[in-house]
Amino acid sequence: MKEKIDKKENIIDKLFHKTEPERTIFIGHDMPYNTKFDVVTYSGAPEAVKGKHIGDRILRKEIEKHKPLLYVGGHMHEHQEKMKIGKTIVVNPGYGRDGKAAIIELSDGKPKIESIRFVRIK
């Protein structure tokens, strides 16, 4: 298990090796651990995970370490939100099958997010 964790950390570290984190948009599948939207709230979920944080601990650690401008992930169908981990804005655009999405507008010429709007496409 430790080898798998080290491998994942090494891959992410290599991705950030030649980037400017303050200008980097990091896109993944899972949500980082211990965010307001990695908690299972789905009524049909197994009792063992209801109300628990199930996000990815390695992602959390790597976001805190590299401090990208933006992280976009999903996996958690229950949530459509944004928050910050340090200076990094973390976005879950929502469950696409339900028509949920996020529109993220970047400023012109600056590494800055102008707006994040959550939408529902019908």
C-alpha atoms as a PDB file:
ATOM      1  CA  MET A   1       0.000   0.000   0.000  1.00  0.00           C
ATOM      2  CA  LYS A   2       2.840   2.406   0.862  1.00  0.00           C
ATOM      3  CA  GLU A   3       4.337   1.830  -2.606  1.00  0.00           C
ATOM      4  CA  LYS A   4       1.019   2.721  -4.235  1.00  0.00           C
ATOM      5  CA  ILE A   5       0.784   5.930  -2.183  1.00  0.00           C
ATOM      6  CA  ASP A   6       4.391   6.877  -2.979  1.00  0.00           C
ATOM      7  CA  LYS A   7       3.792   6.204  -6.680  1.00  0.00           C
ATOM      8  CA  LYS A   8       0.706   8.447  -6.761  1.00  0.00           C
ATOM      9  CA  GLU A   9       2.545  11.231  -4.914  1.00  0.00           C
ATOM     10  CA  ASN A  10       5.514  10.923  -7.297  1.00  0.00           C
ATOM     11  CA  ILE A  11       3.263  11.133 -10.353  1.00  0.00           C
ATOM     12  CA  ILE A  12       1.577  14.280  -9.048  1.00  0.00           C
ATOM     13  CA  ASP A  13       4.937  15.794  -8.070  1.00  0.00           C
ATOM     14  CA  LYS A  14       6.211  15.165 -11.622  1.00  0.00           C
ATOM     15  CA  LEU A  15       3.124  16.844 -13.070  1.00  0.00           C
ATOM     16  CA  PHE A  16       3.863  19.963 -11.033  1.00  0.00           C
ATOM     17  CA  HIS A  17       7.636  19.844 -11.649  1.00  0.00           C
ATOM     18  CA  LYS A  18       7.680  22.387 -14.480  1.00  0.00           C
ATOM     19  CA  THR A  19       4.543  24.357 -13.707  1.00  0.00           C
ATOM     20  CA  GLU A  20       3.831  27.678 -12.130  1.00  0.00           C
ATOM     21  CA  PRO A  21       1.361  26.526  -9.451  1.00  0.00           C
ATOM     22  CA  GLU A  22      -0.302  29.928  -9.159  1.00  0.00           C
ATOM     23  CA  ARG A  23      -1.206  29.589 -12.869  1.00  0.00           C
ATOM     24  CA  THR A  24      -2.065  25.880 -12.805  1.00  0.00           C
ATOM     25  CA  ILE A  25      -5.478  24.253 -13.150  1.00  0.00           C
ATOM     26  CA  PHE A  26      -5.353  20.714 -11.750  1.00  0.00           C
ATOM     27  CA  ILE A  27      -8.196  18.409 -12.842  1.00  0.00           C
ATOM     28  CA  GLY A  28      -8.812  15.010 -11.292  1.00  0.00           C
ATOM     29  CA  HIS A  29     -11.575  12.576 -10.546  1.00  0.00           C
ATOM     30  CA  ASP A  30     -11.858  12.401  -6.765  1.00  0.00           C
ATOM     31  CA  MET A  31     -12.363  15.153  -4.244  1.00  0.00           C
ATOM     32  CA  PRO A  32      -9.612  15.918  -1.750  1.00  0.00           C
ATOM     33  CA  TYR A  33     -10.110  14.537   1.753  1.00  0.00           C
ATOM     34  CA  ASN A  34     -11.812  16.578   4.458  1.00  0.00           C
ATOM     35  CA  THR A  35     -13.623  19.088   2.294  1.00  0.00           C
ATOM     36  CA  LYS A  36     -17.207  20.166   2.766  1.00  0.00           C
ATOM     37  CA  PHE A  37     -18.124  18.042  -0.217  1.00  0.00           C
ATOM     38  CA  ASP A  38     -16.389  14.733   0.315  1.00  0.00           C
ATOM     39  CA  VAL A  39     -18.985  13.742   2.916  1.00  0.00           C
ATOM     40  CA  VAL A  40     -21.439  11.026   1.901  1.00  0.00           C
ATOM     41  CA  THR A  41     -24.998  12.343   2.241  1.00  0.00           C
ATOM     42  CA  TYR A  42     -26.739  10.039  -0.243  1.00  0.00           C
ATOM     43  CA  SER A  43     -29.609   8.267   1.536  1.00  0.00           C
ATOM     44  CA  GLY A  44     -28.958   5.007  -0.340  1.00  0.00           C
ATOM     45  CA  ALA A  45     -25.292   4.825   0.666  1.00  0.00           C
ATOM     46  CA  PRO A  46     -24.080   2.008   2.917  1.00  0.00           C
ATOM     47  CA  GLU A  47     -24.324   2.882   6.612  1.00  0.00           C
ATOM     48  CA  ALA A  48     -20.556   2.386   6.981  1.00  0.00           C
ATOM     49  CA  VAL A  49     -19.849   5.518   4.901  1.00  0.00           C
ATOM     50  CA  LYS A  50     -22.866   7.770   5.556  1.00  0.00           C
ATOM     51  CA  GLY A  51     -21.768  11.087   7.026  1.00  0.00           C
ATOM     52  CA  LYS A  52     -18.089  10.223   6.586  1.00  0.00           C
ATOM     53  CA  HIS A  53     -15.335  11.964   4.639  1.00  0.00           C
ATOM     54  CA  ILE A  54     -14.280   9.692   1.786  1.00  0.00           C
ATOM     55  CA  GLY A  55     -12.084  12.063  -0.226  1.00  0.00           C
ATOM     56  CA  ASP A  56      -8.543  11.350  -1.341  1.00  0.00           C
ATOM     57  CA  ARG A  57      -5.898  12.060   1.320  1.00  0.00           C
ATOM     58  CA  ILE A  58      -3.053  12.135  -1.201  1.00  0.00           C
ATOM     59  CA  LEU A  59      -4.851  14.752  -3.315  1.00  0.00           C
ATOM     60  CA  ARG A  60      -5.364  16.872  -0.199  1.00  0.00           C
ATOM     61  CA  LYS A  61      -1.674  16.622   0.685  1.00  0.00           C
ATOM     62  CA  GLU A  62      -0.531  17.425  -2.866  1.00  0.00           C
ATOM     63  CA  ILE A  63      -2.891  20.407  -3.201  1.00  0.00           C
ATOM     64  CA  GLU A  64      -1.575  21.781   0.098  1.00  0.00           C
ATOM     65  CA  LYS A  65       2.004  21.163  -1.080  1.00  0.00           C
ATOM     66  CA  HIS A  66       1.825  22.577  -4.629  1.00  0.00           C
ATOM     67  CA  LYS A  67      -0.923  25.202  -4.180  1.00  0.00           C
ATOM     68  CA  PRO A  68      -2.424  25.219  -7.706  1.00  0.00           C
ATOM     69  CA  LEU A  69      -4.753  28.065  -8.640  1.00  0.00           C
ATOM     70  CA  LEU A  70      -7.687  25.690  -9.135  1.00  0.00           C
ATOM     71  CA  TYR A  71      -8.552  22.026  -8.571  1.00  0.00           C
ATOM     72  CA  VAL A  72     -11.615  20.571 -10.315  1.00  0.00           C
ATOM     73  CA  GLY A  73     -12.820  17.125  -9.324  1.00  0.00           C
ATOM     74  CA  GLY A  74     -16.019  15.244  -8.944  1.00  0.00           C
ATOM     75  CA  HIS A  75     -16.922  11.709  -7.948  1.00  0.00           C
ATOM     76  CA  MET A  76     -19.254  12.988  -5.205  1.00  0.00           C
ATOM     77  CA  HIS A  77     -22.634  13.172  -6.896  1.00  0.00           C
ATOM     78  CA  GLU A  78     -24.345  14.774  -3.909  1.00  0.00           C
ATOM     79  CA  HIS A  79     -22.483  18.053  -4.077  1.00  0.00           C
ATOM     80  CA  GLN A  80     -22.076  21.026  -6.400  1.00  0.00           C
ATOM     81  CA  GLU A  81     -19.935  23.525  -4.570  1.00  0.00           C
ATOM     82  CA  LYS A  82     -16.663  25.385  -4.263  1.00  0.00           C
ATOM     83  CA  MET A  83     -14.309  26.026  -1.367  1.00  0.00           C
ATOM     84  CA  LYS A  84     -10.669  26.810  -0.695  1.00  0.00           C
ATOM     85  CA  ILE A  85      -7.766  24.741   0.535  1.00  0.00           C
ATOM     86  CA  GLY A  86      -5.279  27.455   1.364  1.00  0.00           C
ATOM     87  CA  LYS A  87      -5.148  29.619  -1.769  1.00  0.00           C
ATOM     88  CA  THR A  88      -6.407  26.835  -4.054  1.00  0.00           C
ATOM     89  CA  ILE A  89     -10.026  27.024  -5.164  1.00  0.00           C
ATOM     90  CA  VAL A  90     -11.569  23.540  -5.182  1.00  0.00           C
ATOM     91  CA  VAL A  91     -14.645  22.961  -7.355  1.00  0.00           C
ATOM     92  CA  ASN A  92     -17.037  20.039  -7.662  1.00  0.00           C
ATOM     93  CA  PRO A  93     -19.135  20.886 -10.750  1.00  0.00           C
ATOM     94  CA  GLY A  94     -21.864  18.429  -9.777  1.00  0.00           C
ATOM     95  CA  TYR A  95     -23.330  15.277 -11.244  1.00  0.00           C
ATOM     96  CA  GLY A  96     -23.381  15.629 -15.027  1.00  0.00           C
ATOM     97  CA  ARG A  97     -26.110  13.043 -15.506  1.00  0.00           C
ATOM     98  CA  ASP A  98     -28.387  15.394 -13.557  1.00  0.00           C
ATOM     99  CA  GLY A  99     -27.381  18.230 -15.891  1.00  0.00           C
ATOM    100  CA  LYS A 100     -25.130  19.968 -13.366  1.00  0.00           C
ATOM    101  CA  ALA A 101     -22.007  21.829 -14.473  1.00  0.00           C
ATOM    102  CA  ALA A 102     -19.703  24.682 -13.505  1.00  0.00           C
ATOM    103  CA  ILE A 103     -18.625  27.589 -15.677  1.00  0.00           C
ATOM    104  CA  ILE A 104     -15.247  28.928 -14.591  1.00  0.00           C
ATOM    105  CA  GLU A 105     -14.102  32.222 -16.079  1.00  0.00           C
ATOM    106  CA  LEU A 106     -10.462  33.236 -15.898  1.00  0.00           C
ATOM    107  CA  SER A 107      -9.299  36.832 -15.942  1.00  0.00           C
ATOM    108  CA  ASP A 108      -7.577  38.117 -19.052  1.00  0.00           C
ATOM    109  CA  GLY A 109      -3.812  37.965 -18.649  1.00  0.00           C
ATOM    110  CA  LYS A 110      -3.757  37.293 -14.904  1.00  0.00           C
ATOM    111  CA  PRO A 111      -3.713  34.036 -12.994  1.00  0.00           C
ATOM    112  CA  LYS A 112      -7.027  34.742 -11.312  1.00  0.00           C
ATOM    113  CA  ILE A 113     -10.514  33.261 -11.307  1.00  0.00           C
ATOM    114  CA  GLU A 114     -13.062  35.901 -12.272  1.00  0.00           C
ATOM    115  CA  SER A 115     -16.150  33.840 -11.508  1.00  0.00           C
ATOM    116  CA  ILE A 116     -17.463  30.372 -10.873  1.00  0.00           C
ATOM    117  CA  ARG A 117     -21.112  29.776 -11.684  1.00  0.00           C
ATOM    118  CA  PHE A 118     -22.954  26.571 -11.029  1.00  0.00           C
ATOM    119  CA  VAL A 119     -25.584  25.739 -13.600  1.00  0.00           C
ATOM    120  CA  ARG A 120     -28.134  23.075 -14.310  1.00  0.00           C
ATOM    121  CA  ILE A 121     -28.663  22.159 -17.943  1.00  0.00           C
ATOM    122  CA  LYS A 122     -32.170  20.913 -18.680  1.00  0.00           C
END
